[in-house]
Amino acid sequence: MNLRSLSALLLALLVPLCAFAEDERVAYTCDNNSRIDISFSADLSGRPQAALHFADQAVVLPQVPAASGALYRSGDIRLATKGDDAIFEDGKGNLRRCSRGNTAPVMPQAAARPAAASSFIDITGTVSYLARIALPPNAILKIRIQSGQRTLADQRYELNGAQVPIPFSATVDRDLMGKKARATVSARIEAGGKLLFASAKPAPAIQNGQPVPVDIVLKPAPRVTAR
């Protein structure tokens, strides 16, 4: 094999390697003719995430449970995907409907309202306890939101020295709750694998079909049953 042939072979082998040097970006074109490049990957713990690439920055959204398709959320910024379609909320009251590729989706007038995003609701609240004991620096708060026996969300917060009351927030898909729209929240605080505090029973998070703030007062570990 001559030098020219060898160089051509090496070049052919390098092209696919370069393609995988970073996460593949998928182009989406939105109904306002803007474009969003999105890459899908996983964080260090294996949790799926989506990165939205703009001109000079990228926003990373962890995946949260959804009844259908996939939902990625960080704060008030949300991305819902299903097939080749995506709905993007920028956290400032703006919503874009997007499609994979270079052609913007054609939306009928009846779709002007953000119906697709309305099924996602936020469950918020605080966790505290009455004992006059400071939490150790390695304490971890775990939040579980359930509808009957179905787990809607599991949240883990490394407190890094934070003390009660501790706020929490989770996005869940209303469609996962069924027709009765029931959801409860339970919480526990651990440190070094040892249970310190836990909720005695789950607290309701939905009233009259709407989410309400949940204030959970935990009990010391000896007075609750570890899960």
Protein backbone atom coordinates (compact mmCIF):
# COMPACT_ATOMS: atom_id res chain seq x y z
CA MET A 1 0.00 0.00 0.00
CA ASN A 2 1.48 3.36 -1.04
CA LEU A 3 1.57 6.47 1.13
CA ARG A 4 -1.37 8.12 -0.64
CA SER A 5 -3.61 5.07 -0.14
CA LEU A 6 -2.58 4.81 3.51
CA SER A 7 -3.41 8.48 4.11
CA ALA A 8 -6.83 8.05 2.51
CA LEU A 9 -7.54 5.03 4.72
CA LEU A 10 -6.54 6.88 7.91
CA LEU A 11 -8.72 9.85 6.93
CA ALA A 12 -11.70 7.55 6.39
CA LEU A 13 -11.21 6.05 9.84
CA LEU A 14 -10.88 9.42 11.55
CA VAL A 15 -14.16 10.87 10.28
CA PRO A 16 -16.45 8.68 12.38
CA LEU A 17 -14.20 9.18 15.41
CA CYS A 18 -14.57 12.94 15.10
CA ALA A 19 -18.34 12.57 14.86
CA PHE A 20 -18.42 11.05 18.33
CA ALA A 21 -16.04 13.54 19.92
CA GLU A 22 -19.06 15.30 21.49
CA ASP A 23 -22.77 14.56 21.97
CA GLU A 24 -24.66 14.60 18.72
CA ARG A 25 -26.79 17.72 18.34
CA VAL A 26 -30.26 17.37 16.84
CA ALA A 27 -31.65 20.45 15.10
CA TYR A 28 -35.24 21.49 15.86
CA THR A 29 -37.06 24.28 14.02
CA CYS A 30 -39.79 26.08 15.95
CA ASP A 31 -43.07 27.77 15.04
CA ASN A 32 -41.49 31.23 15.39
CA ASN A 33 -38.81 30.19 12.84
CA SER A 34 -36.14 29.99 15.53
CA ARG A 35 -33.84 26.98 15.77
CA ILE A 36 -32.75 24.98 18.81
CA ASP A 37 -29.96 22.41 18.76
CA ILE A 38 -30.53 19.69 21.37
CA SER A 39 -28.21 16.91 22.49
CA PHE A 40 -29.37 14.00 24.62
CA SER A 41 -27.04 12.23 27.06
CA ALA A 42 -26.79 11.12 30.71
CA ASP A 43 -25.16 12.67 33.76
CA LEU A 44 -22.54 10.93 35.94
CA SER A 45 -25.25 9.00 37.82
CA GLY A 46 -26.80 7.74 34.58
CA ARG A 47 -29.85 10.02 34.70
CA PRO A 48 -30.95 11.08 31.19
CA GLN A 49 -30.66 14.77 30.37
CA ALA A 50 -31.09 17.15 27.45
CA ALA A 51 -28.78 20.06 26.63
CA LEU A 52 -30.25 23.01 24.73
CA HIS A 53 -27.53 24.77 22.74
CA PHE A 54 -27.95 28.45 21.97
CA ALA A 55 -25.57 30.93 20.37
CA ASP A 56 -23.32 31.44 23.39
CA GLN A 57 -24.53 29.05 26.06
CA ALA A 58 -26.07 25.64 26.79
CA VAL A 59 -28.86 24.84 29.25
CA VAL A 60 -28.89 21.34 30.72
CA LEU A 61 -32.26 19.90 31.76
CA PRO A 62 -32.49 16.62 33.75
CA GLN A 63 -35.27 14.22 32.78
CA VAL A 64 -38.31 13.93 35.08
CA PRO A 65 -41.21 11.41 34.94
CA ALA A 66 -43.88 11.87 32.24
CA ALA A 67 -46.95 9.88 31.20
CA SER A 68 -45.90 9.89 27.55
CA GLY A 69 -42.89 11.09 25.62
CA ALA A 70 -40.06 12.58 27.67
CA LEU A 71 -39.96 15.65 29.92
CA TYR A 72 -36.79 17.54 30.85
CA ARG A 73 -36.90 20.33 33.41
CA SER A 74 -34.71 22.73 35.36
CA GLY A 75 -36.54 25.37 37.36
CA ASP A 76 -39.19 26.91 35.11
CA ILE A 77 -37.43 25.85 31.89
CA ARG A 78 -39.02 22.76 30.36
CA LEU A 79 -38.65 20.62 27.27
CA ALA A 80 -41.23 17.97 26.36
CA THR A 81 -40.42 15.65 23.45
CA LYS A 82 -42.46 12.96 21.70
CA GLY A 83 -41.32 11.46 18.43
CA ASP A 84 -40.09 14.27 16.18
CA ASP A 85 -42.03 16.96 18.07
CA ALA A 86 -40.92 19.10 20.99
CA ILE A 87 -42.45 21.82 23.18
CA PHE A 88 -40.04 24.27 24.81
CA GLU A 89 -40.94 26.65 27.66
CA ASP A 90 -38.24 29.23 28.39
CA GLY A 91 -39.34 30.02 31.97
CA LYS A 92 -40.49 33.52 31.00
CA GLY A 93 -43.98 32.64 29.82
CA ASN A 94 -42.92 31.91 26.23
CA LEU A 95 -43.72 28.58 24.58
CA ARG A 96 -42.36 27.22 21.30
CA ARG A 97 -43.60 24.21 19.37
CA CYS A 98 -40.77 22.64 17.41
CA SER A 99 -40.13 19.79 14.98
CA ARG A 100 -36.97 17.85 14.25
CA GLY A 101 -35.31 19.11 11.07
CA ASN A 102 -35.36 22.38 9.18
CA THR A 103 -39.11 22.80 8.70
CA ALA A 104 -41.20 24.63 11.29
CA PRO A 105 -44.37 22.83 12.44
CA VAL A 106 -47.66 24.06 10.96
CA MET A 107 -49.97 24.75 13.88
CA PRO A 108 -53.74 25.28 13.45
CA GLN A 109 -55.40 28.24 15.16
CA ALA A 110 -57.01 25.93 17.71
CA ALA A 111 -53.56 25.00 19.01
CA ALA A 112 -52.71 28.54 20.03
CA ARG A 113 -53.09 27.74 23.72
CA PRO A 114 -50.36 25.66 25.47
CA ALA A 115 -52.57 22.63 26.12
CA ALA A 116 -49.73 20.13 25.78
CA ALA A 117 -47.81 21.71 28.63
CA SER A 118 -50.79 22.03 30.99
CA SER A 119 -50.59 18.41 32.20
CA PHE A 120 -47.32 19.11 34.03
CA ILE A 121 -47.70 20.50 37.54
CA ASP A 122 -45.25 21.50 40.25
CA ILE A 123 -45.38 19.96 43.73
CA THR A 124 -43.66 22.26 46.23
CA GLY A 125 -43.24 22.50 49.96
CA THR A 126 -40.85 22.48 52.91
CA VAL A 127 -39.40 19.84 55.22
CA SER A 128 -38.63 20.49 58.89
CA TYR A 129 -38.52 18.76 62.28
CA LEU A 130 -39.06 19.89 65.88
CA ALA A 131 -35.96 18.38 67.50
CA ARG A 132 -33.26 20.91 68.35
CA ILE A 133 -30.55 19.00 66.51
CA ALA A 134 -28.39 20.37 63.71
CA LEU A 135 -28.01 18.26 60.60
CA PRO A 136 -24.50 17.00 59.78
CA PRO A 137 -22.78 18.39 56.66
CA ASN A 138 -23.28 15.10 54.77
CA ALA A 139 -27.05 14.97 55.34
CA ILE A 140 -29.25 14.07 52.36
CA LEU A 141 -32.94 14.87 51.92
CA LYS A 142 -35.01 12.40 49.90
CA ILE A 143 -38.47 13.30 48.60
CA ARG A 144 -40.88 10.75 47.12
CA ILE A 145 -44.13 11.71 45.39
CA GLN A 146 -46.64 8.93 44.82
CA SER A 147 -50.12 8.39 43.43
CA GLY A 148 -51.37 5.24 45.12
CA GLN A 149 -48.61 2.67 44.61
CA ARG A 150 -47.13 4.50 41.60
CA THR A 151 -44.03 6.62 42.20
CA LEU A 152 -44.27 9.91 40.31
CA ALA A 153 -40.93 11.40 41.35
CA ASP A 154 -37.90 10.67 43.53
CA GLN A 155 -35.80 13.68 44.46
CA ARG A 156 -32.45 13.68 46.26
CA TYR A 157 -30.93 16.83 47.76
CA GLU A 158 -27.40 16.97 49.17
CA LEU A 159 -27.88 19.57 51.89
CA ASN A 160 -24.20 20.59 52.29
CA GLY A 161 -24.80 22.04 55.74
CA ALA A 162 -28.26 23.53 55.07
CA GLN A 163 -30.69 23.34 57.98
CA VAL A 164 -34.47 23.11 58.25
CA PRO A 165 -36.83 24.31 56.98
CA ILE A 166 -35.68 22.94 53.62
CA PRO A 167 -37.67 23.77 50.46
CA PHE A 168 -38.30 21.24 47.71
CA SER A 169 -39.89 21.26 44.27
CA ALA A 170 -40.70 18.54 41.73
CA THR A 171 -42.50 18.47 38.39
CA VAL A 172 -44.92 15.60 37.79
CA ASP A 173 -47.24 14.68 34.95
CA ARG A 174 -50.91 14.95 35.96
CA ASP A 175 -51.71 12.14 33.50
CA LEU A 176 -49.79 9.73 35.74
CA MET A 177 -52.24 10.35 38.60
CA GLY A 178 -55.29 8.91 36.87
CA LYS A 179 -58.78 10.39 36.92
CA LYS A 180 -58.84 11.06 40.68
CA ALA A 181 -55.67 13.17 40.53
CA ARG A 182 -54.24 12.06 43.87
CA ALA A 183 -50.68 12.61 44.99
CA THR A 184 -48.88 12.35 48.32
CA VAL A 185 -45.40 13.36 49.47
CA SER A 186 -43.12 11.58 51.94
CA ALA A 187 -39.66 12.67 53.05
CA ARG A 188 -36.64 11.35 54.90
CA ILE A 189 -33.24 12.69 55.93
CA GLU A 190 -30.21 10.42 55.98
CA ALA A 191 -26.52 10.82 56.71
CA GLY A 192 -23.83 8.27 55.99
CA GLY A 193 -26.47 5.69 55.09
CA LYS A 194 -28.22 6.11 58.45
CA LEU A 195 -31.83 7.28 58.73
CA LEU A 196 -32.12 10.39 60.92
CA PHE A 197 -35.66 11.68 60.33
CA ALA A 198 -38.66 10.55 58.28
CA SER A 199 -42.29 11.45 57.75
CA ALA A 200 -44.70 9.38 59.83
CA LYS A 201 -47.18 9.19 56.92
CA PRO A 202 -47.47 10.63 53.41
CA ALA A 203 -48.88 14.14 53.15
CA PRO A 204 -51.52 15.00 50.52
CA ALA A 205 -50.27 17.32 47.77
CA ILE A 206 -53.47 17.69 45.70
CA GLN A 207 -56.72 19.34 46.79
CA ASN A 208 -59.72 19.76 44.49
CA GLY A 209 -57.56 18.62 41.60
CA GLN A 210 -54.91 21.31 42.16
CA PRO A 211 -51.47 21.16 43.83
CA VAL A 212 -51.10 22.77 47.25
CA PRO A 213 -47.92 23.60 49.22
CA VAL A 214 -46.86 20.71 51.45
CA ASP A 215 -45.22 21.39 54.81
CA ILE A 216 -43.83 18.15 56.22
CA VAL A 217 -42.73 17.81 59.86
CA LEU A 218 -40.44 14.80 60.20
CA LYS A 219 -40.13 12.50 63.21
CA PRO A 220 -36.84 11.20 64.65
CA ALA A 221 -35.81 7.85 63.19
CA PRO A 222 -36.66 5.60 66.22
CA ARG A 223 -40.29 6.67 65.98
CA VAL A 224 -40.79 5.76 62.33
CA THR A 225 -40.45 2.60 60.29
CA ALA A 226 -37.51 2.68 57.88
CA ARG A 227 -38.34 1.86 54.26
